[in-house]
Amino acid sequence: MAQVSKPTGEFNEERPNSRVIYEDENAKCVQFYLKKGQSIRLHTSPSSVYITVLRGTLEFMIGDENTRQTLSAGETIFYLPNEPHGFIALEDSVVQAVIAPKPVRRIKL
């Protein structure tokens, strides 16, 4: 059955905050709330990852710490399985990640 979700999570002054907004046997959808300067460290996933910026501006790492792309609200970046990725908030930001197939492990924020 279809579900509607709106960004309703909260920012945390200490670290990025995340909220799983949908999950089934095939995929997982997570919203991340980052204050300016907060980041999700470079990591990999065995799944494909599709990240859409819902609010703000972030710098996305692509493959390593030095290759970066800046994205703003409405833009999406696609990562292949096992491709290193991470991001840094250039301003208070909200992003939504769709991860498919659903991963079996969770990244540490």
N, C-alpha and C. Protein backbone atom coordinates (compact mmCIF):
# COMPACT_ATOMS: atom_id res chain seq x y z
N MET A 1 0.84 -1.18 0.00
CA MET A 1 0.00 0.00 0.00
C MET A 1 0.89 1.25 0.00
N ALA A 2 0.53 2.24 -0.76
CA ALA A 2 1.30 3.48 -0.86
C ALA A 2 1.37 4.19 0.48
N GLN A 3 2.50 4.88 0.72
CA GLN A 3 2.68 5.66 1.94
C GLN A 3 3.24 7.02 1.57
N VAL A 4 2.86 8.04 2.31
CA VAL A 4 3.37 9.39 2.11
C VAL A 4 4.25 9.73 3.30
N SER A 5 5.41 10.33 3.03
CA SER A 5 6.30 10.74 4.11
C SER A 5 6.79 12.15 3.84
N LYS A 6 6.84 12.96 4.90
CA LYS A 6 7.36 14.32 4.81
C LYS A 6 8.51 14.45 5.79
N PRO A 7 9.51 15.30 5.49
CA PRO A 7 10.62 15.46 6.42
C PRO A 7 10.13 15.97 7.77
N THR A 8 10.16 15.13 8.78
CA THR A 8 9.69 15.52 10.11
C THR A 8 10.71 15.21 11.18
N GLY A 9 11.90 14.84 10.78
CA GLY A 9 12.95 14.54 11.76
C GLY A 9 13.48 15.83 12.36
N GLU A 10 14.40 15.66 13.27
CA GLU A 10 14.95 16.81 13.97
C GLU A 10 16.46 16.88 13.77
N PHE A 11 16.98 18.09 13.83
CA PHE A 11 18.41 18.29 13.79
C PHE A 11 18.97 18.04 15.19
N ASN A 12 20.22 17.60 15.24
CA ASN A 12 20.91 17.35 16.49
C ASN A 12 22.18 18.19 16.45
N GLU A 13 22.39 19.00 17.45
CA GLU A 13 23.57 19.88 17.47
C GLU A 13 24.88 19.11 17.55
N GLU A 14 24.85 17.90 18.08
CA GLU A 14 26.07 17.12 18.32
C GLU A 14 26.53 16.30 17.11
N ARG A 15 25.56 15.75 16.35
CA ARG A 15 25.91 14.84 15.25
C ARG A 15 24.74 14.76 14.28
N PRO A 16 24.98 14.21 13.07
CA PRO A 16 23.87 14.04 12.14
C PRO A 16 22.79 13.15 12.75
N ASN A 17 21.57 13.41 12.38
CA ASN A 17 20.44 12.61 12.85
C ASN A 17 19.85 11.89 11.64
N SER A 18 19.36 10.68 11.84
CA SER A 18 18.75 9.95 10.73
C SER A 18 17.44 9.34 11.17
N ARG A 19 16.58 9.09 10.19
CA ARG A 19 15.27 8.51 10.44
C ARG A 19 14.90 7.60 9.29
N VAL A 20 14.64 6.32 9.57
CA VAL A 20 14.17 5.40 8.53
C VAL A 20 12.71 5.75 8.28
N ILE A 21 12.39 6.10 7.03
CA ILE A 21 11.00 6.46 6.73
C ILE A 21 10.25 5.35 6.01
N TYR A 22 11.00 4.39 5.46
CA TYR A 22 10.35 3.24 4.83
C TYR A 22 11.36 2.13 4.71
N GLU A 23 10.87 0.91 4.89
CA GLU A 23 11.74 -0.25 4.76
C GLU A 23 10.88 -1.47 4.44
N ASP A 24 11.32 -2.23 3.45
CA ASP A 24 10.68 -3.52 3.17
C ASP A 24 11.78 -4.50 2.80
N GLU A 25 11.43 -5.67 2.30
CA GLU A 25 12.45 -6.67 2.00
C GLU A 25 13.35 -6.28 0.82
N ASN A 26 12.93 -5.28 0.04
CA ASN A 26 13.68 -4.89 -1.16
C ASN A 26 14.54 -3.64 -1.01
N ALA A 27 14.12 -2.71 -0.19
CA ALA A 27 14.81 -1.42 -0.13
C ALA A 27 14.61 -0.76 1.22
N LYS A 28 15.41 0.29 1.42
CA LYS A 28 15.33 1.07 2.64
C LYS A 28 15.43 2.54 2.25
N CYS A 29 14.64 3.39 2.87
CA CYS A 29 14.67 4.82 2.61
C CYS A 29 14.92 5.55 3.93
N VAL A 30 15.98 6.36 3.95
CA VAL A 30 16.41 7.03 5.17
C VAL A 30 16.55 8.53 4.91
N GLN A 31 16.07 9.34 5.86
CA GLN A 31 16.29 10.78 5.79
C GLN A 31 17.39 11.13 6.79
N PHE A 32 18.31 12.01 6.37
CA PHE A 32 19.40 12.48 7.22
C PHE A 32 19.23 13.98 7.43
N TYR A 33 19.44 14.42 8.66
CA TYR A 33 19.33 15.82 9.05
C TYR A 33 20.70 16.25 9.55
N LEU A 34 21.32 17.19 8.85
CA LEU A 34 22.67 17.62 9.19
C LEU A 34 22.70 19.13 9.39
N LYS A 35 23.29 19.55 10.50
CA LYS A 35 23.56 20.96 10.71
C LYS A 35 24.80 21.32 9.88
N LYS A 36 24.95 22.60 9.58
CA LYS A 36 26.11 23.06 8.83
C LYS A 36 27.39 22.52 9.45
N GLY A 37 28.25 21.92 8.63
CA GLY A 37 29.53 21.39 9.08
C GLY A 37 29.50 19.92 9.47
N GLN A 38 28.32 19.36 9.71
CA GLN A 38 28.23 17.94 10.05
C GLN A 38 28.41 17.10 8.79
N SER A 39 28.85 15.84 8.98
CA SER A 39 29.12 15.01 7.81
C SER A 39 28.79 13.55 8.07
N ILE A 40 28.61 12.83 6.98
CA ILE A 40 28.55 11.37 6.98
C ILE A 40 29.87 10.94 6.36
N ARG A 41 30.66 10.23 7.13
CA ARG A 41 32.02 9.86 6.70
C ARG A 41 31.99 9.01 5.42
N LEU A 42 33.09 9.00 4.74
CA LEU A 42 33.25 8.18 3.55
C LEU A 42 33.08 6.71 3.93
N HIS A 43 32.22 6.00 3.22
CA HIS A 43 31.95 4.59 3.49
C HIS A 43 31.45 3.93 2.21
N THR A 44 31.24 2.63 2.25
CA THR A 44 30.69 1.91 1.10
C THR A 44 29.43 1.16 1.52
N SER A 45 28.68 0.75 0.53
CA SER A 45 27.49 -0.06 0.73
C SER A 45 27.47 -1.13 -0.35
N PRO A 46 27.04 -2.34 -0.04
CA PRO A 46 26.95 -3.37 -1.08
C PRO A 46 25.76 -3.13 -2.02
N SER A 47 24.99 -2.09 -1.73
CA SER A 47 23.79 -1.78 -2.51
C SER A 47 23.99 -0.53 -3.35
N SER A 48 23.08 -0.28 -4.28
CA SER A 48 23.03 0.99 -4.98
C SER A 48 22.44 2.02 -4.02
N VAL A 49 22.93 3.26 -4.08
CA VAL A 49 22.46 4.32 -3.18
C VAL A 49 22.08 5.53 -4.03
N TYR A 50 20.87 6.03 -3.82
CA TYR A 50 20.35 7.19 -4.54
C TYR A 50 20.03 8.25 -3.49
N ILE A 51 20.73 9.39 -3.53
CA ILE A 51 20.55 10.42 -2.51
C ILE A 51 20.01 11.69 -3.16
N THR A 52 18.89 12.17 -2.63
CA THR A 52 18.27 13.41 -3.11
C THR A 52 18.36 14.46 -2.00
N VAL A 53 18.81 15.65 -2.37
CA VAL A 53 18.86 16.76 -1.42
C VAL A 53 17.45 17.36 -1.34
N LEU A 54 16.86 17.32 -0.17
CA LEU A 54 15.53 17.88 0.03
C LEU A 54 15.59 19.34 0.46
N ARG A 55 16.65 19.67 1.20
CA ARG A 55 16.82 21.05 1.68
C ARG A 55 18.30 21.31 1.92
N GLY A 56 18.76 22.49 1.57
CA GLY A 56 20.14 22.87 1.84
C GLY A 56 21.09 22.60 0.70
N THR A 57 22.38 22.63 1.04
CA THR A 57 23.46 22.40 0.08
C THR A 57 24.52 21.54 0.77
N LEU A 58 24.98 20.52 0.05
CA LEU A 58 25.97 19.60 0.60
C LEU A 58 27.06 19.35 -0.42
N GLU A 59 28.23 18.96 0.08
CA GLU A 59 29.33 18.55 -0.77
C GLU A 59 29.43 17.03 -0.65
N PHE A 60 29.28 16.34 -1.77
CA PHE A 60 29.30 14.87 -1.79
C PHE A 60 30.66 14.37 -2.22
N MET A 61 31.17 13.40 -1.49
CA MET A 61 32.43 12.73 -1.86
C MET A 61 32.09 11.59 -2.81
N ILE A 62 32.90 11.45 -3.85
CA ILE A 62 32.64 10.45 -4.88
C ILE A 62 33.90 9.61 -5.07
N GLY A 63 33.92 8.45 -4.47
CA GLY A 63 35.04 7.54 -4.63
C GLY A 63 36.18 7.74 -3.66
N ASP A 64 36.45 8.99 -3.27
CA ASP A 64 37.50 9.28 -2.30
C ASP A 64 37.24 10.64 -1.66
N GLU A 65 38.09 11.02 -0.72
CA GLU A 65 37.91 12.29 0.02
C GLU A 65 38.12 13.51 -0.88
N ASN A 66 38.87 13.37 -1.97
CA ASN A 66 39.24 14.52 -2.79
C ASN A 66 38.33 14.80 -3.96
N THR A 67 37.55 13.83 -4.40
CA THR A 67 36.65 14.03 -5.54
C THR A 67 35.29 14.40 -4.98
N ARG A 68 34.85 15.64 -5.26
CA ARG A 68 33.63 16.16 -4.63
C ARG A 68 32.74 16.87 -5.63
N GLN A 69 31.47 16.85 -5.31
CA GLN A 69 30.45 17.52 -6.13
C GLN A 69 29.46 18.19 -5.18
N THR A 70 29.16 19.46 -5.43
CA THR A 70 28.20 20.20 -4.61
C THR A 70 26.81 20.05 -5.21
N LEU A 71 25.85 19.68 -4.36
CA LEU A 71 24.45 19.54 -4.77
C LEU A 71 23.55 20.36 -3.86
N SER A 72 22.47 20.86 -4.43
CA SER A 72 21.49 21.66 -3.70
C SER A 72 20.11 21.02 -3.80
N ALA A 73 19.16 21.62 -3.10
CA ALA A 73 17.79 21.09 -3.05
C ALA A 73 17.28 20.74 -4.45
N GLY A 74 16.71 19.53 -4.56
CA GLY A 74 16.15 19.06 -5.82
C GLY A 74 17.09 18.22 -6.65
N GLU A 75 18.37 18.18 -6.30
CA GLU A 75 19.34 17.41 -7.07
C GLU A 75 19.57 16.04 -6.43
N THR A 76 19.91 15.06 -7.28
CA THR A 76 20.11 13.68 -6.85
C THR A 76 21.46 13.18 -7.33
N ILE A 77 22.11 12.36 -6.50
CA ILE A 77 23.36 11.70 -6.88
C ILE A 77 23.14 10.19 -6.74
N PHE A 78 23.72 9.43 -7.67
CA PHE A 78 23.56 7.98 -7.70
C PHE A 78 24.92 7.34 -7.49
N TYR A 79 25.00 6.40 -6.54
CA TYR A 79 26.23 5.67 -6.28
C TYR A 79 26.03 4.20 -6.61
N LEU A 80 27.02 3.59 -7.25
CA LEU A 80 26.99 2.17 -7.55
C LEU A 80 27.33 1.36 -6.30
N PRO A 81 26.98 0.07 -6.27
CA PRO A 81 27.37 -0.76 -5.13
C PRO A 81 28.89 -0.70 -4.92
N ASN A 82 29.28 -0.64 -3.66
CA ASN A 82 30.68 -0.61 -3.22
C ASN A 82 31.45 0.65 -3.62
N GLU A 83 30.78 1.65 -4.13
CA GLU A 83 31.43 2.92 -4.47
C GLU A 83 31.52 3.78 -3.20
N PRO A 84 32.74 4.16 -2.79
CA PRO A 84 32.86 4.99 -1.59
C PRO A 84 32.11 6.31 -1.76
N HIS A 85 31.38 6.69 -0.69
CA HIS A 85 30.60 7.92 -0.72
C HIS A 85 30.41 8.47 0.69
N GLY A 86 30.12 9.74 0.76
CA GLY A 86 29.86 10.44 2.01
C GLY A 86 29.50 11.87 1.66
N PHE A 87 29.15 12.69 2.65
CA PHE A 87 28.79 14.07 2.36
C PHE A 87 28.96 14.97 3.58
N ILE A 88 29.11 16.27 3.28
CA ILE A 88 29.31 17.30 4.30
C ILE A 88 28.28 18.40 4.05
N ALA A 89 27.58 18.82 5.10
CA ALA A 89 26.57 19.88 4.96
C ALA A 89 27.26 21.25 4.92
N LEU A 90 27.01 21.99 3.85
CA LEU A 90 27.54 23.35 3.73
C LEU A 90 26.60 24.35 4.40
N GLU A 91 25.39 23.90 4.68
CA GLU A 91 24.39 24.65 5.44
C GLU A 91 23.45 23.60 6.04
N ASP A 92 22.58 23.98 6.95
CA ASP A 92 21.63 23.02 7.51
C ASP A 92 20.90 22.35 6.35
N SER A 93 20.90 21.01 6.34
CA SER A 93 20.42 20.28 5.17
C SER A 93 19.64 19.02 5.56
N VAL A 94 18.76 18.61 4.64
CA VAL A 94 18.03 17.35 4.77
C VAL A 94 18.21 16.60 3.46
N VAL A 95 18.63 15.33 3.54
CA VAL A 95 18.77 14.49 2.36
C VAL A 95 17.99 13.20 2.58
N GLN A 96 17.61 12.60 1.48
CA GLN A 96 16.89 11.32 1.53
C GLN A 96 17.65 10.30 0.70
N ALA A 97 17.98 9.17 1.32
CA ALA A 97 18.72 8.11 0.64
C ALA A 97 17.82 6.90 0.43
N VAL A 98 17.79 6.42 -0.80
CA VAL A 98 17.12 5.16 -1.11
C VAL A 98 18.22 4.15 -1.38
N ILE A 99 18.17 3.04 -0.65
CA ILE A 99 19.22 2.02 -0.71
C ILE A 99 18.58 0.72 -1.16
N ALA A 100 19.05 0.20 -2.31
CA ALA A 100 18.44 -1.03 -2.85
C ALA A 100 19.52 -1.88 -3.51
N PRO A 101 19.53 -3.19 -3.29
CA PRO A 101 18.64 -3.88 -2.36
C PRO A 101 18.93 -3.47 -0.93
N LYS A 102 17.99 -3.74 -0.06
CA LYS A 102 18.10 -3.38 1.35
C LYS A 102 19.39 -3.94 1.94
N PRO A 103 20.22 -3.08 2.55
CA PRO A 103 21.47 -3.56 3.16
C PRO A 103 21.21 -4.34 4.44
N VAL A 104 22.16 -5.18 4.78
CA VAL A 104 22.01 -5.97 6.00
C VAL A 104 22.74 -5.33 7.19
N ARG A 105 23.57 -4.31 6.92
CA ARG A 105 24.26 -3.63 8.01
C ARG A 105 23.94 -2.15 7.97
N ARG A 106 24.14 -1.48 9.09
CA ARG A 106 23.86 -0.06 9.22
C ARG A 106 25.17 0.71 9.37
N ILE A 107 25.28 1.87 8.73
CA ILE A 107 26.48 2.67 8.90
C ILE A 107 26.42 3.39 10.23
N LYS A 108 27.58 3.68 10.80
CA LYS A 108 27.65 4.45 12.04
C LYS A 108 27.77 5.92 11.67
N LEU A 109 26.92 6.74 12.26
CA LEU A 109 26.94 8.17 11.98
C LEU A 109 28.03 8.86 12.75
